[in-house]
Amino acid sequence: MGMCFPCPGESTPPSPNLEEKRAKLAEAAERRQKEAASRGILDVHSVEEKKRKREKIERQMATAGPPSEGGLRWTVS
């Protein structure tokens, strides 16, 4: 009647291959990271473009060298 365990004569079901299990776990982790990164963002592509543009500007500023002496200065008193 409502037995939860297999009969003693039956063999246990085959477990999935270890490599397949690792691949599935890795896919699930990537999917969770992607979902967490885009949570609350309506247009993911525009955010990615802005991020790339910001990184490009930062790289250009880093390769441009130190700013010239004519730049703005500010002091905290």
N, C-alpha and C. Protein backbone atom coordinates (compact mmCIF):
# COMPACT_ATOMS: atom_id res chain seq x y z
N MET A 1 0.83 -1.17 0.00
CA MET A 1 0.00 0.00 0.00
C MET A 1 0.88 1.24 0.00
N GLY A 2 1.05 2.21 0.56
CA GLY A 2 1.82 3.42 0.36
C GLY A 2 3.26 3.32 0.80
N MET A 3 4.02 2.37 0.20
CA MET A 3 5.41 2.19 0.59
C MET A 3 6.29 3.24 -0.10
N CYS A 4 7.15 3.84 0.66
CA CYS A 4 8.06 4.86 0.12
C CYS A 4 9.39 4.26 -0.32
N PHE A 5 9.72 3.11 0.20
CA PHE A 5 11.00 2.51 -0.09
C PHE A 5 10.84 1.42 -1.15
N PRO A 6 11.87 1.21 -1.98
CA PRO A 6 11.77 0.15 -2.98
C PRO A 6 11.82 -1.22 -2.33
N CYS A 7 11.30 -2.19 -3.02
CA CYS A 7 11.33 -3.56 -2.52
C CYS A 7 12.78 -4.03 -2.42
N PRO A 8 13.07 -4.93 -1.50
CA PRO A 8 14.45 -5.40 -1.33
C PRO A 8 15.01 -6.06 -2.59
N GLY A 9 14.19 -6.61 -3.44
CA GLY A 9 14.68 -7.30 -4.63
C GLY A 9 15.02 -6.34 -5.76
N GLU A 10 14.53 -5.10 -5.69
CA GLU A 10 14.79 -4.14 -6.77
C GLU A 10 16.14 -3.46 -6.56
N SER A 11 16.79 -3.14 -7.68
CA SER A 11 18.07 -2.43 -7.58
C SER A 11 17.80 -0.92 -7.51
N THR A 12 18.77 -0.21 -7.02
CA THR A 12 18.62 1.24 -6.90
C THR A 12 18.71 1.87 -8.29
N PRO A 13 18.02 2.96 -8.53
CA PRO A 13 18.09 3.59 -9.84
C PRO A 13 19.49 4.13 -10.09
N PRO A 14 19.93 4.13 -11.33
CA PRO A 14 21.29 4.58 -11.63
C PRO A 14 21.43 6.08 -11.33
N SER A 15 22.53 6.44 -10.71
CA SER A 15 22.77 7.85 -10.41
C SER A 15 23.37 8.52 -11.65
N PRO A 16 23.14 9.83 -11.83
CA PRO A 16 23.67 10.49 -13.02
C PRO A 16 25.20 10.52 -12.98
N ASN A 17 25.77 10.59 -14.18
CA ASN A 17 27.21 10.65 -14.31
C ASN A 17 27.72 11.87 -13.56
N LEU A 18 28.88 11.75 -12.93
CA LEU A 18 29.44 12.83 -12.12
C LEU A 18 29.71 14.07 -12.98
N GLU A 19 30.22 13.87 -14.20
CA GLU A 19 30.50 15.00 -15.09
C GLU A 19 29.21 15.71 -15.49
N GLU A 20 28.16 14.93 -15.78
CA GLU A 20 26.87 15.53 -16.14
C GLU A 20 26.31 16.34 -14.98
N LYS A 21 26.45 15.80 -13.78
CA LYS A 21 25.95 16.47 -12.59
C LYS A 21 26.69 17.79 -12.38
N ARG A 22 28.02 17.79 -12.55
CA ARG A 22 28.81 19.01 -12.41
C ARG A 22 28.43 20.04 -13.46
N ALA A 23 28.22 19.59 -14.70
CA ALA A 23 27.84 20.51 -15.76
C ALA A 23 26.49 21.16 -15.46
N LYS A 24 25.54 20.37 -14.99
CA LYS A 24 24.22 20.92 -14.65
C LYS A 24 24.32 21.91 -13.50
N LEU A 25 25.13 21.61 -12.50
CA LEU A 25 25.31 22.52 -11.38
C LEU A 25 25.96 23.83 -11.83
N ALA A 26 26.94 23.73 -12.74
CA ALA A 26 27.60 24.93 -13.24
C ALA A 26 26.62 25.79 -14.04
N GLU A 27 25.79 25.17 -14.88
CA GLU A 27 24.79 25.91 -15.65
C GLU A 27 23.81 26.61 -14.72
N ALA A 28 23.38 25.91 -13.67
CA ALA A 28 22.44 26.50 -12.73
C ALA A 28 23.07 27.69 -12.00
N ALA A 29 24.33 27.57 -11.64
CA ALA A 29 25.02 28.67 -10.95
C ALA A 29 25.14 29.88 -11.87
N GLU A 30 25.50 29.66 -13.14
CA GLU A 30 25.59 30.77 -14.09
C GLU A 30 24.24 31.44 -14.28
N ARG A 31 23.20 30.65 -14.38
CA ARG A 31 21.85 31.19 -14.56
C ARG A 31 21.44 32.03 -13.35
N ARG A 32 21.75 31.54 -12.15
CA ARG A 32 21.42 32.30 -10.93
C ARG A 32 22.19 33.61 -10.88
N GLN A 33 23.48 33.60 -11.26
CA GLN A 33 24.27 34.82 -11.25
C GLN A 33 23.72 35.83 -12.26
N LYS A 34 23.36 35.35 -13.44
CA LYS A 34 22.81 36.24 -14.46
C LYS A 34 21.49 36.84 -14.00
N GLU A 35 20.64 36.04 -13.38
CA GLU A 35 19.36 36.54 -12.89
C GLU A 35 19.57 37.55 -11.76
N ALA A 36 20.53 37.29 -10.88
CA ALA A 36 20.79 38.20 -9.78
C ALA A 36 21.36 39.52 -10.29
N ALA A 37 22.19 39.45 -11.33
CA ALA A 37 22.79 40.67 -11.88
C ALA A 37 21.76 41.55 -12.56
N SER A 38 20.74 40.95 -13.14
CA SER A 38 19.75 41.73 -13.88
C SER A 38 18.48 41.97 -13.09
N ARG A 39 18.46 41.62 -11.82
CA ARG A 39 17.26 41.80 -11.01
C ARG A 39 16.96 43.30 -10.85
N GLY A 40 15.76 43.69 -11.19
CA GLY A 40 15.34 45.08 -11.05
C GLY A 40 15.70 45.95 -12.23
N ILE A 41 16.35 45.41 -13.25
CA ILE A 41 16.74 46.19 -14.42
C ILE A 41 15.80 45.83 -15.56
N LEU A 42 15.16 46.87 -16.14
CA LEU A 42 14.21 46.62 -17.21
C LEU A 42 14.91 46.38 -18.54
N ASP A 43 15.95 47.17 -18.85
CA ASP A 43 16.66 47.04 -20.12
C ASP A 43 18.11 46.65 -19.84
N VAL A 44 18.39 45.37 -19.87
CA VAL A 44 19.71 44.86 -19.53
C VAL A 44 20.75 45.31 -20.55
N HIS A 45 20.37 45.36 -21.83
CA HIS A 45 21.34 45.71 -22.87
C HIS A 45 21.85 47.13 -22.72
N SER A 46 20.98 48.07 -22.38
CA SER A 46 21.44 49.46 -22.23
C SER A 46 22.37 49.59 -21.04
N VAL A 47 22.12 48.85 -19.98
CA VAL A 47 23.00 48.89 -18.82
C VAL A 47 24.38 48.34 -19.18
N GLU A 48 24.41 47.25 -19.96
CA GLU A 48 25.69 46.68 -20.38
C GLU A 48 26.45 47.65 -21.28
N GLU A 49 25.74 48.33 -22.19
CA GLU A 49 26.39 49.30 -23.05
C GLU A 49 26.99 50.46 -22.24
N LYS A 50 26.25 50.96 -21.27
CA LYS A 50 26.75 52.04 -20.42
C LYS A 50 27.98 51.58 -19.64
N LYS A 51 27.96 50.34 -19.17
CA LYS A 51 29.10 49.82 -18.43
C LYS A 51 30.33 49.72 -19.32
N ARG A 52 30.15 49.23 -20.56
CA ARG A 52 31.27 49.15 -21.50
C ARG A 52 31.82 50.53 -21.82
N LYS A 53 30.91 51.49 -22.03
CA LYS A 53 31.33 52.85 -22.36
C LYS A 53 32.13 53.46 -21.21
N ARG A 54 31.65 53.25 -19.97
CA ARG A 54 32.34 53.78 -18.79
C ARG A 54 33.73 53.16 -18.67
N GLU A 55 33.84 51.83 -18.90
CA GLU A 55 35.13 51.17 -18.82
C GLU A 55 36.08 51.69 -19.89
N LYS A 56 35.55 51.96 -21.08
CA LYS A 56 36.38 52.49 -22.17
C LYS A 56 36.92 53.87 -21.80
N ILE A 57 36.07 54.71 -21.23
CA ILE A 57 36.50 56.05 -20.83
C ILE A 57 37.55 55.95 -19.72
N GLU A 58 37.35 55.05 -18.78
CA GLU A 58 38.33 54.87 -17.70
C GLU A 58 39.68 54.40 -18.25
N ARG A 59 39.67 53.49 -19.23
CA ARG A 59 40.92 53.04 -19.84
C ARG A 59 41.61 54.18 -20.56
N GLN A 60 40.83 55.01 -21.27
CA GLN A 60 41.42 56.14 -21.98
C GLN A 60 42.04 57.13 -20.99
N MET A 61 41.38 57.37 -19.88
CA MET A 61 41.92 58.28 -18.88
C MET A 61 43.19 57.72 -18.26
N ALA A 62 43.24 56.41 -18.07
CA ALA A 62 44.42 55.78 -17.47
C ALA A 62 45.61 55.85 -18.42
N THR A 63 45.37 55.70 -19.72
CA THR A 63 46.47 55.74 -20.68
C THR A 63 46.85 57.16 -21.05
N ALA A 64 46.01 58.15 -20.75
CA ALA A 64 46.30 59.54 -21.11
C ALA A 64 47.42 60.11 -20.25
N GLY A 65 47.66 59.55 -19.10
CA GLY A 65 48.72 60.05 -18.23
C GLY A 65 48.17 60.99 -17.19
N PRO A 66 49.08 61.65 -16.45
CA PRO A 66 48.63 62.55 -15.39
C PRO A 66 48.01 63.82 -15.99
N PRO A 67 47.07 64.42 -15.27
CA PRO A 67 46.44 65.63 -15.78
C PRO A 67 47.43 66.79 -15.78
N SER A 68 47.18 67.75 -16.64
CA SER A 68 48.07 68.91 -16.73
C SER A 68 47.87 69.81 -15.52
N GLU A 69 48.78 70.77 -15.33
CA GLU A 69 48.72 71.66 -14.17
C GLU A 69 47.55 72.63 -14.25
N GLY A 70 46.96 72.84 -15.42
CA GLY A 70 45.89 73.81 -15.56
C GLY A 70 44.54 73.30 -15.13
N GLY A 71 44.48 72.13 -14.54
CA GLY A 71 43.20 71.55 -14.14
C GLY A 71 42.60 72.23 -12.93
N LEU A 72 41.40 71.86 -12.59
CA LEU A 72 40.73 72.42 -11.43
C LEU A 72 41.31 71.85 -10.15
N ARG A 73 41.33 72.70 -9.11
CA ARG A 73 41.81 72.24 -7.81
C ARG A 73 40.75 72.58 -6.77
N TRP A 74 40.71 71.77 -5.75
CA TRP A 74 39.80 72.05 -4.67
C TRP A 74 40.48 71.68 -3.36
N THR A 75 40.09 72.36 -2.32
CA THR A 75 40.67 72.08 -1.01
C THR A 75 39.55 71.87 0.00
N VAL A 76 39.86 71.11 1.03
CA VAL A 76 38.91 70.87 2.10
C VAL A 76 39.45 71.56 3.34
N SER A 77 38.64 72.40 3.95
CA SER A 77 39.11 73.10 5.15
C SER A 77 38.37 72.67 6.37
